[in-house]
Amino acid sequence: MFLEKIRDGKGTTIITIDGFLNEGNSNIDDWQKALRNKYPNNPWFHLHWKSENLNKLIQKTATSFLLAYSIPATLSLMATSIISIPVVLIRFSGIIFSWRKALKISEKTGENLPKIIEELKVEKIILVGHSLGSRVIYHCLKKIKTNTVYEIHLLGGAVNNNKLKWELIENRK
């Protein structure tokens, strides 16, 4: 995990956090478009974290598909219908494994983010997360000990929407 400085500026510092399958993706064009109107001159950092990689997932899934299709090819039609559910599970096991791994890493990343924020030595910060990036923010807010976080924006958040849990985070001192 590392924080990349995208630009200097004036005002509240922004940190953007990508979601699932963006590990190693350095393209921030979508973030630039999203920030252009509301935060055109703010200092901006982008958090890179191990959110899993699309190319690796495609390779895992392709391998699972090949395995799943080679099994039924050697069995009779009746046997194929009996194992259809396990075949589907084999086909999607790569996706499920990657998602679960990214969930665990998002928690650890969020727990470590407050230390990075403190090192920035800024008064206010805006956290913007997409998908599992929102989950990183959630876990960050559970751990952060300062009142540095000014705003959060959760875009397509893969995070719990339990009102009580968010109120506990919001009201903690």
Protein backbone atom coordinates (compact mmCIF):
# COMPACT_ATOMS: atom_id res chain seq x y z
CA MET A 1 0.00 0.00 0.00
CA PHE A 2 1.31 3.43 -0.87
CA LEU A 3 -0.04 6.94 -1.26
CA GLU A 4 0.78 8.67 -4.56
CA LYS A 5 0.72 12.44 -4.71
CA ILE A 6 -1.23 13.42 -7.81
CA ARG A 7 -1.16 17.20 -7.41
CA ASP A 8 -0.48 20.07 -5.05
CA GLY A 9 -3.18 22.59 -4.44
CA LYS A 10 -5.17 24.68 -2.04
CA GLY A 11 -7.92 23.64 0.34
CA THR A 12 -8.82 20.35 1.90
CA THR A 13 -6.64 17.40 0.90
CA ILE A 14 -8.35 14.60 -1.01
CA ILE A 15 -7.48 10.91 -0.97
CA THR A 16 -9.11 8.67 -3.60
CA ILE A 17 -9.26 4.91 -3.14
CA ASP A 18 -10.05 2.45 -5.91
CA GLY A 19 -12.07 -0.70 -5.42
CA PHE A 20 -11.93 -4.37 -6.30
CA LEU A 21 -9.63 -5.48 -9.15
CA ASN A 22 -7.71 -2.21 -9.52
CA GLU A 23 -4.40 -3.38 -8.09
CA GLY A 24 -1.62 -2.20 -10.38
CA ASN A 25 -3.96 0.06 -12.37
CA SER A 26 -2.38 3.50 -12.52
CA ASN A 27 -5.10 5.07 -14.68
CA ILE A 28 -6.77 7.85 -12.69
CA ASP A 29 -8.69 9.47 -15.57
CA ASP A 30 -12.09 8.61 -14.06
CA TRP A 31 -11.05 10.15 -10.75
CA GLN A 32 -9.86 13.30 -12.52
CA LYS A 33 -13.22 13.68 -14.25
CA ALA A 34 -15.11 13.10 -11.00
CA LEU A 35 -13.05 15.65 -9.05
CA ARG A 36 -12.85 18.29 -11.79
CA ASN A 37 -16.01 20.25 -10.87
CA LYS A 38 -16.14 20.11 -7.08
CA TYR A 39 -12.44 19.93 -6.18
CA PRO A 40 -10.48 21.34 -9.15
CA ASN A 41 -7.63 22.88 -7.13
CA ASN A 42 -7.40 20.74 -4.00
CA PRO A 43 -4.29 18.77 -3.10
CA TRP A 44 -4.92 15.20 -4.22
CA PHE A 45 -3.42 11.84 -3.32
CA HIS A 46 -4.39 8.40 -4.60
CA LEU A 47 -4.09 5.29 -2.42
CA HIS A 48 -2.75 2.21 -4.17
CA TRP A 49 -3.55 -1.04 -2.36
CA LYS A 50 -3.73 -4.78 -3.02
CA SER A 51 -7.33 -4.88 -4.25
CA GLU A 52 -6.62 -7.86 -6.48
CA ASN A 53 -5.78 -7.66 -10.16
CA LEU A 54 -8.16 -8.13 -13.09
CA ASN A 55 -5.60 -9.91 -15.29
CA LYS A 56 -4.78 -12.43 -12.54
CA LEU A 57 -8.48 -13.01 -11.92
CA ILE A 58 -9.09 -13.67 -15.62
CA GLN A 59 -6.25 -16.21 -15.62
CA LYS A 60 -7.60 -17.96 -12.49
CA THR A 61 -11.13 -18.01 -13.89
CA ALA A 62 -9.97 -19.29 -17.29
CA THR A 63 -8.11 -22.13 -15.60
CA SER A 64 -11.22 -22.95 -13.55
CA PHE A 65 -13.38 -22.93 -16.71
CA LEU A 66 -11.00 -25.30 -18.51
CA LEU A 67 -11.01 -27.67 -15.56
CA ALA A 68 -14.78 -27.50 -15.26
CA TYR A 69 -15.34 -28.22 -18.95
CA SER A 70 -12.83 -31.07 -19.15
CA ILE A 71 -14.62 -33.03 -16.41
CA PRO A 72 -18.05 -33.21 -18.12
CA ALA A 73 -16.48 -33.95 -21.50
CA THR A 74 -15.32 -37.32 -20.25
CA LEU A 75 -18.54 -38.28 -18.50
CA SER A 76 -21.87 -39.41 -19.78
CA LEU A 77 -24.76 -36.95 -20.16
CA MET A 78 -26.39 -38.27 -16.99
CA ALA A 79 -23.23 -37.83 -14.93
CA THR A 80 -22.83 -34.29 -16.31
CA SER A 81 -26.23 -33.26 -14.99
CA ILE A 82 -25.39 -34.71 -11.58
CA ILE A 83 -22.21 -32.66 -11.26
CA SER A 84 -23.55 -29.43 -12.78
CA ILE A 85 -23.62 -27.58 -9.45
CA PRO A 86 -19.99 -28.42 -8.55
CA VAL A 87 -18.95 -27.46 -12.08
CA VAL A 88 -20.49 -24.01 -11.63
CA LEU A 89 -18.71 -23.65 -8.28
CA ILE A 90 -15.39 -24.62 -9.85
CA ARG A 91 -15.93 -22.07 -12.62
CA PHE A 92 -16.46 -19.21 -10.17
CA SER A 93 -14.08 -20.26 -7.41
CA GLY A 94 -11.39 -17.87 -8.67
CA ILE A 95 -13.75 -14.91 -8.39
CA ILE A 96 -14.95 -15.93 -4.93
CA PHE A 97 -11.39 -16.47 -3.68
CA SER A 98 -10.21 -13.10 -5.05
CA TRP A 99 -13.19 -11.25 -3.54
CA ARG A 100 -12.64 -12.79 -0.09
CA LYS A 101 -8.94 -12.04 -0.22
CA ALA A 102 -9.62 -8.42 -1.21
CA LEU A 103 -12.16 -8.08 1.64
CA LYS A 104 -9.51 -9.08 4.18
CA ILE A 105 -6.90 -6.80 2.65
CA SER A 106 -9.35 -3.86 2.55
CA GLU A 107 -9.75 -4.17 6.33
CA LYS A 108 -5.99 -4.21 6.94
CA THR A 109 -5.47 -1.33 4.52
CA GLY A 110 -8.14 0.72 6.29
CA GLU A 111 -6.58 -0.01 9.67
CA ASN A 112 -3.19 1.21 8.40
CA LEU A 113 -4.47 4.29 6.56
CA PRO A 114 -4.74 6.52 9.69
CA LYS A 115 -0.96 6.30 10.15
CA ILE A 116 -0.44 7.50 6.57
CA ILE A 117 -2.95 10.31 7.05
CA GLU A 118 -1.14 11.46 10.20
CA GLU A 119 2.15 11.57 8.26
CA LEU A 120 0.59 14.00 5.76
CA LYS A 121 0.26 16.57 8.55
CA VAL A 122 -2.87 18.20 7.14
CA GLU A 123 -5.76 19.74 9.07
CA LYS A 124 -8.62 18.35 6.97
CA ILE A 125 -8.98 15.47 4.59
CA ILE A 126 -11.68 14.21 2.24
CA LEU A 127 -11.78 10.46 1.62
CA VAL A 128 -13.39 9.24 -1.60
CA GLY A 129 -13.73 5.51 -2.17
CA HIS A 130 -15.23 3.32 -4.84
CA SER A 131 -16.45 -0.23 -4.22
CA LEU A 132 -14.03 -1.88 -1.77
CA GLY A 133 -12.33 1.50 -1.46
CA SER A 134 -15.39 2.44 0.59
CA ARG A 135 -14.68 -0.49 2.85
CA VAL A 136 -11.11 0.75 3.29
CA ILE A 137 -12.57 4.10 4.41
CA TYR A 138 -14.96 2.39 6.83
CA HIS A 139 -12.12 0.55 8.56
CA CYS A 140 -9.99 3.70 8.54
CA LEU A 141 -12.74 5.63 10.32
CA LYS A 142 -12.97 2.90 12.96
CA LYS A 143 -9.25 3.34 13.77
CA ILE A 144 -8.43 7.00 13.18
CA LYS A 145 -7.81 8.95 16.38
CA THR A 146 -7.87 12.51 15.05
CA ASN A 147 -10.63 14.74 13.69
CA THR A 148 -8.79 15.10 10.40
CA VAL A 149 -11.52 13.54 8.24
CA TYR A 150 -13.74 16.37 7.03
CA GLU A 151 -15.90 14.48 4.49
CA ILE A 152 -16.28 11.02 3.06
CA HIS A 153 -17.78 10.02 -0.28
CA LEU A 154 -18.65 6.35 -0.80
CA LEU A 155 -19.28 5.48 -4.44
CA GLY A 156 -20.91 2.10 -5.04
CA GLY A 157 -19.70 1.16 -1.59
CA ALA A 158 -19.09 -2.50 -0.86
CA VAL A 159 -19.58 -1.81 2.81
CA ASN A 160 -22.15 -2.40 5.51
CA ASN A 161 -25.01 0.11 5.53
CA ASN A 162 -26.02 -0.59 9.14
CA LYS A 163 -27.02 2.85 10.46
CA LEU A 164 -26.04 2.04 14.05
CA LYS A 165 -22.49 1.02 13.08
CA TRP A 166 -21.99 4.26 11.13
CA GLU A 167 -23.44 6.33 13.99
CA LEU A 168 -20.98 4.71 16.39
CA ILE A 169 -18.11 5.76 14.12
CA GLU A 170 -19.53 9.24 13.64
CA ASN A 171 -20.11 9.87 17.34
CA ARG A 172 -16.88 8.47 18.73
CA LYS A 173 -14.40 10.92 20.20
